[in-house]
Amino acid sequence: MSLTNESVAVITGAASGIGRALAIRLAREPIAGIAVADINAEGLAETARLITNRNLLVTTHVVDVADERQMKTFVDSVVARHGRATHIVNNAGVALGGTVREVSLDYIRWLVNVNFGGVVYGTKLFLPVLEKQKSAHIINISSIFGIVAPAGNAAYSASKFAVRGFSEALRHELENTNILVSVVHPGGIKTNI
C-alpha cells in the first residue's frame, strides 16, 4: 500500500480485530486521514481513542456494510469530512460455523450480505471517488477459507471465495487505471468474529 501525506484510508470492520489493528498502524504513517466504520459504535469509539496521532483527522462512522443506503450515506460522509478517499479496506465480516444442514437460510443470507455484499458496496460506491484520485487502492479482506473450504464452514467459505473472485476480476478490469486492487487471505487470527 503506497501512502502519501494526502492519503485518506477508509476501513470497514474497524471496531476490533484486523480493522482496528490496521487503523492504529496506518495512523503512524504520514497520511491526511482515516475513516473507520463498523456497526459497533462502542468499539469504533475505542478504536479512535487508541489512535494516538492527534495531527490526523480520524472520523468514525456507524454503518451496516450490508445496507446499500447506509453505505451510500457513509461514502458521502467520508467525502464531506475528508474531501476524498484514496485507500478502501473492505474488512468487515462475520462468521459462525455450522454445517449446511445446521444453519438457517436466514443465517446464510445474512453472512453473505455482510461478507460479500459489504465488499461489493464498499467497492462499487467508493469507485467514483477513487477514480478522481491520482492513485488509489482497494484492499478486500477474504480469508484462508476463501482458498480452502473445510467442513462446517460452507457459508463462510462461499462468501470468502466470492470476495476472492470479485477482487481478481476487478483487478483485471482496473488494470490500466489509477486504482490498484488487492485481496488478502488471512489465516486464523483471534478476533471477535
N, C-alpha and C. Protein backbone atom coordinates (compact mmCIF):
# COMPACT_ATOMS: atom_id res chain seq x y z
N MET A 1 0.85 -1.16 0.00
CA MET A 1 0.00 0.00 0.00
C MET A 1 0.90 1.23 0.00
N SER A 2 0.79 2.03 -1.03
CA SER A 2 1.59 3.25 -1.15
C SER A 2 0.81 4.43 -0.58
N LEU A 3 1.38 5.08 0.42
CA LEU A 3 0.70 6.17 1.12
C LEU A 3 1.47 7.47 0.98
N THR A 4 0.72 8.58 0.94
CA THR A 4 1.33 9.91 0.91
C THR A 4 0.65 10.77 1.98
N ASN A 5 1.13 12.00 2.11
CA ASN A 5 0.52 12.89 3.10
C ASN A 5 -0.86 13.39 2.68
N GLU A 6 -1.32 12.98 1.49
CA GLU A 6 -2.67 13.30 1.03
C GLU A 6 -3.60 12.09 1.08
N SER A 7 -3.09 10.95 1.51
CA SER A 7 -3.90 9.73 1.53
C SER A 7 -4.96 9.78 2.62
N VAL A 8 -6.13 9.27 2.28
CA VAL A 8 -7.22 9.08 3.24
C VAL A 8 -7.64 7.62 3.15
N ALA A 9 -7.43 6.90 4.24
CA ALA A 9 -7.76 5.47 4.28
C ALA A 9 -9.14 5.27 4.90
N VAL A 10 -9.91 4.40 4.29
CA VAL A 10 -11.24 4.04 4.78
C VAL A 10 -11.19 2.56 5.16
N ILE A 11 -11.59 2.24 6.38
CA ILE A 11 -11.50 0.86 6.87
C ILE A 11 -12.84 0.46 7.46
N THR A 12 -13.45 -0.58 6.90
CA THR A 12 -14.68 -1.12 7.49
C THR A 12 -14.31 -2.24 8.46
N GLY A 13 -15.22 -2.53 9.36
CA GLY A 13 -14.93 -3.56 10.36
C GLY A 13 -13.82 -3.14 11.30
N ALA A 14 -13.80 -1.85 11.65
CA ALA A 14 -12.68 -1.28 12.41
C ALA A 14 -12.92 -1.20 13.91
N ALA A 15 -14.00 -1.78 14.40
CA ALA A 15 -14.28 -1.72 15.84
C ALA A 15 -13.45 -2.73 16.63
N SER A 16 -12.80 -3.66 15.94
CA SER A 16 -12.00 -4.68 16.61
C SER A 16 -11.13 -5.40 15.58
N GLY A 17 -10.35 -6.33 16.05
CA GLY A 17 -9.61 -7.25 15.19
C GLY A 17 -8.69 -6.60 14.18
N ILE A 18 -8.70 -7.16 12.97
CA ILE A 18 -7.82 -6.70 11.89
C ILE A 18 -8.07 -5.23 11.57
N GLY A 19 -9.33 -4.83 11.49
CA GLY A 19 -9.66 -3.45 11.16
C GLY A 19 -9.11 -2.46 12.16
N ARG A 20 -9.27 -2.76 13.44
CA ARG A 20 -8.73 -1.88 14.48
C ARG A 20 -7.21 -1.83 14.40
N ALA A 21 -6.57 -2.98 14.30
CA ALA A 21 -5.10 -3.04 14.24
C ALA A 21 -4.58 -2.26 13.03
N LEU A 22 -5.25 -2.39 11.91
CA LEU A 22 -4.83 -1.68 10.71
C LEU A 22 -4.99 -0.17 10.88
N ALA A 23 -6.09 0.26 11.46
CA ALA A 23 -6.31 1.70 11.69
C ALA A 23 -5.22 2.28 12.59
N ILE A 24 -4.91 1.57 13.66
CA ILE A 24 -3.87 2.03 14.59
C ILE A 24 -2.52 2.09 13.89
N ARG A 25 -2.23 1.09 13.08
CA ARG A 25 -0.95 1.05 12.35
C ARG A 25 -0.87 2.16 11.30
N LEU A 26 -1.94 2.34 10.52
CA LEU A 26 -1.92 3.37 9.48
C LEU A 26 -1.81 4.77 10.06
N ALA A 27 -2.30 4.96 11.27
CA ALA A 27 -2.23 6.28 11.92
C ALA A 27 -0.79 6.70 12.19
N ARG A 28 0.13 5.77 12.15
CA ARG A 28 1.56 6.10 12.34
C ARG A 28 2.21 6.60 11.05
N GLU A 29 1.50 6.44 9.94
CA GLU A 29 2.03 6.87 8.64
C GLU A 29 1.72 8.35 8.42
N PRO A 30 2.48 9.00 7.55
CA PRO A 30 2.22 10.42 7.27
C PRO A 30 1.06 10.58 6.28
N ILE A 31 -0.16 10.32 6.74
CA ILE A 31 -1.34 10.42 5.89
C ILE A 31 -2.25 11.54 6.39
N ALA A 32 -3.24 11.90 5.58
CA ALA A 32 -4.14 13.01 5.93
C ALA A 32 -5.27 12.59 6.85
N GLY A 33 -5.76 11.36 6.67
CA GLY A 33 -6.90 10.97 7.49
C GLY A 33 -7.26 9.51 7.40
N ILE A 34 -8.09 9.10 8.36
CA ILE A 34 -8.61 7.74 8.41
C ILE A 34 -10.09 7.83 8.75
N ALA A 35 -10.90 7.12 7.99
CA ALA A 35 -12.33 6.97 8.29
C ALA A 35 -12.55 5.52 8.68
N VAL A 36 -12.97 5.30 9.91
CA VAL A 36 -13.21 3.93 10.38
C VAL A 36 -14.71 3.71 10.50
N ALA A 37 -15.14 2.52 10.10
CA ALA A 37 -16.57 2.21 10.10
C ALA A 37 -16.81 0.84 10.71
N ASP A 38 -17.97 0.71 11.33
CA ASP A 38 -18.38 -0.58 11.89
C ASP A 38 -19.83 -0.42 12.35
N ILE A 39 -20.48 -1.51 12.59
CA ILE A 39 -21.84 -1.49 13.13
C ILE A 39 -21.81 -1.27 14.65
N ASN A 40 -20.64 -1.47 15.25
CA ASN A 40 -20.45 -1.39 16.71
C ASN A 40 -19.89 -0.02 17.09
N ALA A 41 -20.77 0.89 17.53
CA ALA A 41 -20.36 2.25 17.87
C ALA A 41 -19.37 2.30 19.02
N GLU A 42 -19.58 1.48 20.03
CA GLU A 42 -18.68 1.46 21.19
C GLU A 42 -17.28 1.02 20.79
N GLY A 43 -17.19 -0.01 19.98
CA GLY A 43 -15.88 -0.48 19.51
C GLY A 43 -15.17 0.55 18.65
N LEU A 44 -15.93 1.27 17.81
CA LEU A 44 -15.35 2.33 16.99
C LEU A 44 -14.77 3.44 17.85
N ALA A 45 -15.50 3.82 18.88
CA ALA A 45 -15.01 4.87 19.78
C ALA A 45 -13.70 4.44 20.43
N GLU A 46 -13.61 3.17 20.80
CA GLU A 46 -12.37 2.65 21.39
C GLU A 46 -11.23 2.67 20.37
N THR A 47 -11.53 2.30 19.12
CA THR A 47 -10.50 2.35 18.07
C THR A 47 -9.99 3.78 17.92
N ALA A 48 -10.90 4.74 17.84
CA ALA A 48 -10.49 6.15 17.71
C ALA A 48 -9.66 6.59 18.90
N ARG A 49 -10.02 6.15 20.10
CA ARG A 49 -9.27 6.50 21.30
C ARG A 49 -7.85 5.94 21.25
N LEU A 50 -7.69 4.75 20.66
CA LEU A 50 -6.38 4.10 20.60
C LEU A 50 -5.46 4.71 19.55
N ILE A 51 -6.01 5.51 18.66
CA ILE A 51 -5.19 6.20 17.66
C ILE A 51 -4.61 7.44 18.32
N THR A 52 -3.32 7.43 18.52
CA THR A 52 -2.68 8.48 19.31
C THR A 52 -2.16 9.65 18.48
N ASN A 53 -2.18 9.56 17.16
CA ASN A 53 -1.71 10.63 16.30
C ASN A 53 -2.79 11.71 16.23
N ARG A 54 -2.62 12.78 16.97
CA ARG A 54 -3.63 13.84 17.04
C ARG A 54 -3.53 14.83 15.87
N ASN A 55 -2.52 14.67 15.00
CA ASN A 55 -2.40 15.52 13.82
C ASN A 55 -3.17 14.94 12.64
N LEU A 56 -3.89 13.88 12.89
CA LEU A 56 -4.58 13.12 11.86
C LEU A 56 -6.09 13.28 12.03
N LEU A 57 -6.80 13.54 10.95
CA LEU A 57 -8.26 13.58 11.02
C LEU A 57 -8.79 12.15 11.03
N VAL A 58 -9.38 11.76 12.14
CA VAL A 58 -9.98 10.43 12.29
C VAL A 58 -11.48 10.61 12.47
N THR A 59 -12.24 9.98 11.59
CA THR A 59 -13.70 10.04 11.72
C THR A 59 -14.24 8.64 11.93
N THR A 60 -15.30 8.55 12.72
CA THR A 60 -15.95 7.26 12.97
C THR A 60 -17.34 7.29 12.35
N HIS A 61 -17.73 6.15 11.80
CA HIS A 61 -18.99 6.04 11.08
C HIS A 61 -19.66 4.73 11.45
N VAL A 62 -20.84 4.82 12.07
CA VAL A 62 -21.59 3.61 12.40
C VAL A 62 -22.38 3.21 11.16
N VAL A 63 -22.00 2.06 10.59
CA VAL A 63 -22.54 1.63 9.30
C VAL A 63 -22.74 0.12 9.29
N ASP A 64 -23.85 -0.32 8.73
CA ASP A 64 -24.06 -1.73 8.41
C ASP A 64 -23.65 -1.89 6.96
N VAL A 65 -22.53 -2.55 6.70
CA VAL A 65 -22.00 -2.66 5.34
C VAL A 65 -22.92 -3.45 4.42
N ALA A 66 -23.86 -4.19 4.97
CA ALA A 66 -24.80 -4.96 4.15
C ALA A 66 -26.00 -4.13 3.72
N ASP A 67 -26.05 -2.87 4.12
CA ASP A 67 -27.17 -1.99 3.80
C ASP A 67 -26.71 -0.94 2.78
N GLU A 68 -27.21 -1.05 1.56
CA GLU A 68 -26.77 -0.16 0.48
C GLU A 68 -26.99 1.31 0.82
N ARG A 69 -28.12 1.63 1.37
CA ARG A 69 -28.42 3.04 1.70
C ARG A 69 -27.44 3.58 2.74
N GLN A 70 -27.16 2.78 3.77
CA GLN A 70 -26.19 3.22 4.78
C GLN A 70 -24.81 3.39 4.16
N MET A 71 -24.46 2.51 3.24
CA MET A 71 -23.14 2.62 2.60
C MET A 71 -23.05 3.87 1.72
N LYS A 72 -24.13 4.21 1.03
CA LYS A 72 -24.13 5.44 0.23
C LYS A 72 -23.94 6.66 1.13
N THR A 73 -24.64 6.68 2.25
CA THR A 73 -24.51 7.77 3.21
C THR A 73 -23.09 7.83 3.76
N PHE A 74 -22.50 6.67 4.01
CA PHE A 74 -21.13 6.58 4.50
C PHE A 74 -20.15 7.20 3.51
N VAL A 75 -20.27 6.84 2.24
CA VAL A 75 -19.39 7.40 1.21
C VAL A 75 -19.52 8.92 1.19
N ASP A 76 -20.75 9.41 1.17
CA ASP A 76 -20.97 10.86 1.16
C ASP A 76 -20.36 11.53 2.39
N SER A 77 -20.49 10.90 3.54
CA SER A 77 -19.95 11.44 4.78
C SER A 77 -18.42 11.49 4.75
N VAL A 78 -17.80 10.44 4.24
CA VAL A 78 -16.33 10.42 4.14
C VAL A 78 -15.85 11.55 3.24
N VAL A 79 -16.48 11.71 2.09
CA VAL A 79 -16.08 12.76 1.16
C VAL A 79 -16.32 14.14 1.77
N ALA A 80 -17.44 14.31 2.46
CA ALA A 80 -17.73 15.60 3.10
C ALA A 80 -16.72 15.93 4.19
N ARG A 81 -16.32 14.95 4.96
CA ARG A 81 -15.41 15.19 6.10
C ARG A 81 -13.94 15.23 5.69
N HIS A 82 -13.55 14.37 4.73
CA HIS A 82 -12.14 14.25 4.36
C HIS A 82 -11.81 14.85 3.00
N GLY A 83 -12.82 15.09 2.18
CA GLY A 83 -12.58 15.64 0.85
C GLY A 83 -12.25 14.61 -0.20
N ARG A 84 -11.94 13.41 0.23
CA ARG A 84 -11.55 12.35 -0.71
C ARG A 84 -11.39 11.04 0.05
N ALA A 85 -11.16 9.99 -0.72
CA ALA A 85 -10.75 8.69 -0.18
C ALA A 85 -9.77 8.12 -1.20
N THR A 86 -8.67 7.59 -0.72
CA THR A 86 -7.66 7.04 -1.63
C THR A 86 -7.42 5.54 -1.42
N HIS A 87 -7.72 5.06 -0.24
CA HIS A 87 -7.49 3.65 0.09
C HIS A 87 -8.73 3.10 0.78
N ILE A 88 -9.31 2.07 0.22
CA ILE A 88 -10.50 1.45 0.78
C ILE A 88 -10.13 0.05 1.23
N VAL A 89 -10.32 -0.22 2.51
CA VAL A 89 -10.08 -1.57 3.05
C VAL A 89 -11.43 -2.14 3.44
N ASN A 90 -11.95 -3.02 2.60
CA ASN A 90 -13.22 -3.69 2.86
C ASN A 90 -12.94 -4.90 3.75
N ASN A 91 -13.00 -4.67 5.04
CA ASN A 91 -12.59 -5.66 6.03
C ASN A 91 -13.75 -6.26 6.83
N ALA A 92 -14.87 -5.55 6.92
CA ALA A 92 -15.98 -6.01 7.77
C ALA A 92 -16.39 -7.44 7.42
N GLY A 93 -16.60 -8.24 8.44
CA GLY A 93 -17.01 -9.62 8.20
C GLY A 93 -17.59 -10.25 9.44
N VAL A 94 -18.33 -11.33 9.22
CA VAL A 94 -18.92 -12.10 10.30
C VAL A 94 -18.67 -13.58 10.04
N ALA A 95 -18.73 -14.38 11.10
CA ALA A 95 -18.51 -15.82 10.95
C ALA A 95 -19.24 -16.57 12.04
N LEU A 96 -19.70 -17.72 11.69
CA LEU A 96 -20.28 -18.65 12.64
C LEU A 96 -20.31 -19.99 11.94
N GLY A 97 -19.62 -20.95 12.50
CA GLY A 97 -19.54 -22.26 11.87
C GLY A 97 -20.83 -23.04 11.97
N GLY A 98 -20.93 -24.05 11.17
CA GLY A 98 -22.08 -24.94 11.17
C GLY A 98 -22.23 -25.57 9.81
N THR A 99 -22.73 -26.79 9.80
CA THR A 99 -22.92 -27.47 8.52
C THR A 99 -24.10 -26.86 7.78
N VAL A 100 -24.17 -27.14 6.49
CA VAL A 100 -25.28 -26.64 5.68
C VAL A 100 -26.61 -27.11 6.27
N ARG A 101 -26.66 -28.32 6.74
CA ARG A 101 -27.89 -28.85 7.35
C ARG A 101 -28.25 -28.06 8.61
N GLU A 102 -27.26 -27.64 9.39
CA GLU A 102 -27.49 -27.00 10.69
C GLU A 102 -27.89 -25.52 10.60
N VAL A 103 -27.30 -24.80 9.67
CA VAL A 103 -27.51 -23.34 9.64
C VAL A 103 -28.76 -22.99 8.85
N SER A 104 -29.41 -21.92 9.26
CA SER A 104 -30.65 -21.50 8.59
C SER A 104 -30.34 -20.71 7.32
N LEU A 105 -31.32 -20.64 6.45
CA LEU A 105 -31.18 -19.83 5.25
C LEU A 105 -31.02 -18.35 5.61
N ASP A 106 -31.71 -17.91 6.65
CA ASP A 106 -31.56 -16.52 7.09
C ASP A 106 -30.13 -16.23 7.52
N TYR A 107 -29.51 -17.17 8.21
CA TYR A 107 -28.12 -17.00 8.63
C TYR A 107 -27.21 -16.92 7.41
N ILE A 108 -27.40 -17.82 6.45
CA ILE A 108 -26.56 -17.82 5.25
C ILE A 108 -26.73 -16.50 4.50
N ARG A 109 -27.95 -16.05 4.35
CA ARG A 109 -28.22 -14.79 3.66
C ARG A 109 -27.53 -13.62 4.36
N TRP A 110 -27.65 -13.57 5.69
CA TRP A 110 -27.01 -12.50 6.47
C TRP A 110 -25.49 -12.53 6.30
N LEU A 111 -24.90 -13.70 6.43
CA LEU A 111 -23.46 -13.84 6.34
C LEU A 111 -22.95 -13.40 4.96
N VAL A 112 -23.61 -13.85 3.90
CA VAL A 112 -23.20 -13.48 2.54
C VAL A 112 -23.40 -11.99 2.31
N ASN A 113 -24.49 -11.43 2.82
CA ASN A 113 -24.73 -9.99 2.65
C ASN A 113 -23.66 -9.14 3.33
N VAL A 114 -23.19 -9.56 4.49
CA VAL A 114 -22.13 -8.82 5.18
C VAL A 114 -20.78 -9.08 4.51
N ASN A 115 -20.40 -10.34 4.40
CA ASN A 115 -19.05 -10.68 3.95
C ASN A 115 -18.79 -10.37 2.48
N PHE A 116 -19.76 -10.62 1.63
CA PHE A 116 -19.58 -10.34 0.21
C PHE A 116 -20.28 -9.05 -0.20
N GLY A 117 -21.52 -8.87 0.24
CA GLY A 117 -22.24 -7.64 -0.11
C GLY A 117 -21.52 -6.39 0.37
N GLY A 118 -20.95 -6.45 1.56
CA GLY A 118 -20.20 -5.31 2.08
C GLY A 118 -19.01 -4.95 1.21
N VAL A 119 -18.34 -5.95 0.68
CA VAL A 119 -17.21 -5.72 -0.24
C VAL A 119 -17.71 -5.11 -1.54
N VAL A 120 -18.80 -5.64 -2.07
CA VAL A 120 -19.36 -5.11 -3.31
C VAL A 120 -19.78 -3.65 -3.13
N TYR A 121 -20.54 -3.36 -2.07
CA TYR A 121 -20.97 -1.98 -1.83
C TYR A 121 -19.77 -1.06 -1.59
N GLY A 122 -18.83 -1.50 -0.77
CA GLY A 122 -17.66 -0.67 -0.49
C GLY A 122 -16.85 -0.36 -1.73
N THR A 123 -16.77 -1.33 -2.62
CA THR A 123 -16.03 -1.14 -3.87
C THR A 123 -16.82 -0.28 -4.84
N LYS A 124 -18.02 -0.69 -5.15
CA LYS A 124 -18.85 -0.03 -6.17
C LYS A 124 -19.15 1.42 -5.80
N LEU A 125 -19.48 1.67 -4.55
CA LEU A 125 -19.89 3.02 -4.16
C LEU A 125 -18.71 3.98 -3.97
N PHE A 126 -17.55 3.46 -3.61
CA PHE A 126 -16.36 4.32 -3.50
C PHE A 126 -15.63 4.47 -4.83
N LEU A 127 -15.93 3.63 -5.81
CA LEU A 127 -15.20 3.65 -7.08
C LEU A 127 -15.19 5.03 -7.75
N PRO A 128 -16.32 5.74 -7.86
CA PRO A 128 -16.26 7.08 -8.47
C PRO A 128 -15.35 8.05 -7.72
N VAL A 129 -15.26 7.91 -6.41
CA VAL A 129 -14.38 8.75 -5.60
C VAL A 129 -12.93 8.40 -5.90
N LEU A 130 -12.63 7.12 -5.96
CA LEU A 130 -11.26 6.66 -6.21
C LEU A 130 -10.78 7.04 -7.60
N GLU A 131 -11.68 7.01 -8.57
CA GLU A 131 -11.31 7.34 -9.95
C GLU A 131 -10.83 8.78 -10.09
N LYS A 132 -11.21 9.65 -9.18
CA LYS A 132 -10.82 11.07 -9.22
C LYS A 132 -9.44 11.31 -8.61
N GLN A 133 -8.85 10.30 -8.00
CA GLN A 133 -7.57 10.46 -7.31
C GLN A 133 -6.41 10.19 -8.26
N LYS A 134 -5.25 10.72 -7.91
CA LYS A 134 -4.05 10.46 -8.70
C LYS A 134 -3.73 8.97 -8.67
N SER A 135 -3.80 8.38 -7.49
CA SER A 135 -3.66 6.93 -7.35
C SER A 135 -4.53 6.48 -6.19
N ALA A 136 -4.98 5.24 -6.27
CA ALA A 136 -5.88 4.71 -5.25
C ALA A 136 -5.67 3.21 -5.13
N HIS A 137 -6.24 2.64 -4.06
CA HIS A 137 -6.05 1.21 -3.80
C HIS A 137 -7.29 0.67 -3.09
N ILE A 138 -7.80 -0.43 -3.61
CA ILE A 138 -8.88 -1.17 -2.97
C ILE A 138 -8.28 -2.45 -2.40
N ILE A 139 -8.45 -2.67 -1.11
CA ILE A 139 -7.94 -3.87 -0.45
C ILE A 139 -9.13 -4.61 0.14
N ASN A 140 -9.41 -5.79 -0.39
CA ASN A 140 -10.53 -6.59 0.09
C ASN A 140 -10.01 -7.73 0.94
N ILE A 141 -10.57 -7.86 2.13
CA ILE A 141 -10.12 -8.90 3.05
C ILE A 141 -11.00 -10.13 2.86
N SER A 142 -10.39 -11.22 2.43
CA SER A 142 -11.06 -12.51 2.29
C SER A 142 -10.68 -13.33 3.51
N SER A 143 -10.16 -14.52 3.30
CA SER A 143 -9.78 -15.42 4.38
C SER A 143 -9.04 -16.59 3.76
N ILE A 144 -8.30 -17.32 4.56
CA ILE A 144 -7.73 -18.57 4.08
C ILE A 144 -8.87 -19.49 3.62
N PHE A 145 -10.06 -19.29 4.21
CA PHE A 145 -11.23 -20.08 3.80
C PHE A 145 -11.83 -19.57 2.49
N GLY A 146 -11.20 -18.59 1.88
CA GLY A 146 -11.51 -18.18 0.51
C GLY A 146 -10.62 -18.91 -0.47
N ILE A 147 -9.75 -19.76 0.05
CA ILE A 147 -8.86 -20.59 -0.79
C ILE A 147 -9.16 -22.07 -0.57
N VAL A 148 -9.41 -22.44 0.69
CA VAL A 148 -9.77 -23.82 1.04
C VAL A 148 -11.09 -23.78 1.82
N ALA A 149 -11.88 -24.83 1.69
CA ALA A 149 -13.20 -24.83 2.32
C ALA A 149 -13.37 -26.05 3.21
N PRO A 150 -13.14 -25.90 4.51
CA PRO A 150 -13.30 -27.04 5.42
C PRO A 150 -14.77 -27.31 5.75
N ALA A 151 -15.06 -28.53 6.10
CA ALA A 151 -16.41 -28.90 6.52
C ALA A 151 -16.84 -28.03 7.70
N GLY A 152 -18.10 -27.70 7.74
CA GLY A 152 -18.63 -26.88 8.82
C GLY A 152 -18.50 -25.40 8.58
N ASN A 153 -17.97 -25.02 7.42
CA ASN A 153 -17.79 -23.60 7.09
C ASN A 153 -18.23 -23.30 5.66
N ALA A 154 -19.23 -24.01 5.17
CA ALA A 154 -19.65 -23.84 3.77
C ALA A 154 -20.09 -22.41 3.47
N ALA A 155 -20.94 -21.84 4.29
CA ALA A 155 -21.45 -20.49 4.03
C ALA A 155 -20.33 -19.46 4.13
N TYR A 156 -19.54 -19.55 5.19
CA TYR A 156 -18.44 -18.61 5.37
C TYR A 156 -17.44 -18.73 4.21
N SER A 157 -17.06 -19.96 3.87
CA SER A 157 -16.12 -20.16 2.77
C SER A 157 -16.67 -19.64 1.46
N ALA A 158 -17.94 -19.90 1.19
CA ALA A 158 -18.55 -19.41 -0.05
C ALA A 158 -18.48 -17.89 -0.13
N SER A 159 -18.75 -17.21 0.99
CA SER A 159 -18.70 -15.75 0.99
C SER A 159 -17.28 -15.25 0.75
N LYS A 160 -16.30 -15.95 1.28
CA LYS A 160 -14.91 -15.52 1.12
C LYS A 160 -14.34 -15.91 -0.24
N PHE A 161 -14.80 -17.03 -0.82
CA PHE A 161 -14.44 -17.35 -2.20
C PHE A 161 -15.00 -16.28 -3.13
N ALA A 162 -16.21 -15.80 -2.84
CA ALA A 162 -16.82 -14.74 -3.65
C ALA A 162 -15.98 -13.47 -3.60
N VAL A 163 -15.48 -13.11 -2.43
CA VAL A 163 -14.61 -11.94 -2.30
C VAL A 163 -13.37 -12.12 -3.16
N ARG A 164 -12.81 -13.31 -3.13
CA ARG A 164 -11.61 -13.59 -3.93
C ARG A 164 -11.90 -13.44 -5.42
N GLY A 165 -12.96 -14.07 -5.91
CA GLY A 165 -13.30 -14.00 -7.33
C GLY A 165 -13.62 -12.59 -7.77
N PHE A 166 -14.39 -11.88 -6.98
CA PHE A 166 -14.75 -10.50 -7.27
C PHE A 166 -13.49 -9.64 -7.37
N SER A 167 -12.59 -9.80 -6.42
CA SER A 167 -11.37 -8.99 -6.37
C SER A 167 -10.45 -9.30 -7.54
N GLU A 168 -10.31 -10.57 -7.89
CA GLU A 168 -9.44 -10.94 -9.01
C GLU A 168 -9.98 -10.38 -10.32
N ALA A 169 -11.29 -10.48 -10.54
CA ALA A 169 -11.89 -9.92 -11.75
C ALA A 169 -11.76 -8.40 -11.77
N LEU A 170 -12.01 -7.77 -10.63
CA LEU A 170 -11.90 -6.31 -10.52
C LEU A 170 -10.48 -5.84 -10.83
N ARG A 171 -9.50 -6.59 -10.34
CA ARG A 171 -8.11 -6.23 -10.60
C ARG A 171 -7.84 -6.19 -12.11
N HIS A 172 -8.37 -7.15 -12.84
CA HIS A 172 -8.20 -7.16 -14.30
C HIS A 172 -8.95 -5.99 -14.95
N GLU A 173 -10.15 -5.70 -14.46
CA GLU A 173 -10.93 -4.60 -15.02
C GLU A 173 -10.25 -3.25 -14.82
N LEU A 174 -9.53 -3.10 -13.73
CA LEU A 174 -8.90 -1.81 -13.40
C LEU A 174 -7.40 -1.79 -13.71
N GLU A 175 -6.95 -2.79 -14.45
CA GLU A 175 -5.51 -2.98 -14.68
C GLU A 175 -4.79 -1.75 -15.22
N ASN A 176 -5.35 -1.04 -16.14
CA ASN A 176 -4.67 0.11 -16.75
C ASN A 176 -5.24 1.43 -16.25
N THR A 177 -5.60 1.46 -14.98
CA THR A 177 -6.16 2.68 -14.39
C THR A 177 -5.28 3.12 -13.21
N ASN A 178 -5.74 4.12 -12.50
CA ASN A 178 -5.03 4.63 -11.33
C ASN A 178 -5.31 3.83 -10.07
N ILE A 179 -6.13 2.77 -10.18
CA ILE A 179 -6.59 2.04 -8.99
C ILE A 179 -6.00 0.64 -8.94
N LEU A 180 -5.29 0.36 -7.85
CA LEU A 180 -4.78 -0.99 -7.60
C LEU A 180 -5.84 -1.77 -6.83
N VAL A 181 -5.84 -3.08 -7.00
CA VAL A 181 -6.76 -3.95 -6.27
C VAL A 181 -5.96 -5.10 -5.67
N SER A 182 -6.17 -5.34 -4.38
CA SER A 182 -5.53 -6.46 -3.68
C SER A 182 -6.60 -7.24 -2.93
N VAL A 183 -6.36 -8.53 -2.79
CA VAL A 183 -7.21 -9.36 -1.93
C VAL A 183 -6.28 -10.06 -0.95
N VAL A 184 -6.65 -10.03 0.32
CA VAL A 184 -5.82 -10.58 1.39
C VAL A 184 -6.55 -11.78 1.99
N HIS A 185 -5.80 -12.86 2.24
CA HIS A 185 -6.38 -14.10 2.78
C HIS A 185 -5.73 -14.44 4.12
N PRO A 186 -6.12 -13.76 5.20
CA PRO A 186 -5.52 -14.06 6.50
C PRO A 186 -5.87 -15.48 6.97
N GLY A 187 -4.96 -16.05 7.70
CA GLY A 187 -5.22 -17.34 8.33
C GLY A 187 -5.94 -17.12 9.65
N GLY A 188 -5.82 -18.06 10.54
CA GLY A 188 -6.50 -17.97 11.83
C GLY A 188 -5.97 -16.82 12.67
N ILE A 189 -6.83 -15.88 12.98
CA ILE A 189 -6.48 -14.73 13.80
C ILE A 189 -7.55 -14.62 14.89
N LYS A 190 -7.13 -14.43 16.10
CA LYS A 190 -8.09 -14.32 17.20
C LYS A 190 -8.75 -12.94 17.14
N THR A 191 -10.00 -12.92 16.69
CA THR A 191 -10.78 -11.68 16.62
C THR A 191 -12.16 -11.94 17.22
N ASN A 192 -12.97 -10.90 17.25
CA ASN A 192 -14.32 -11.04 17.80
C ASN A 192 -15.29 -11.79 16.89
N ILE A 193 -14.93 -11.99 15.61
CA ILE A 193 -15.87 -12.70 14.75
C ILE A 193 -15.73 -14.19 14.95
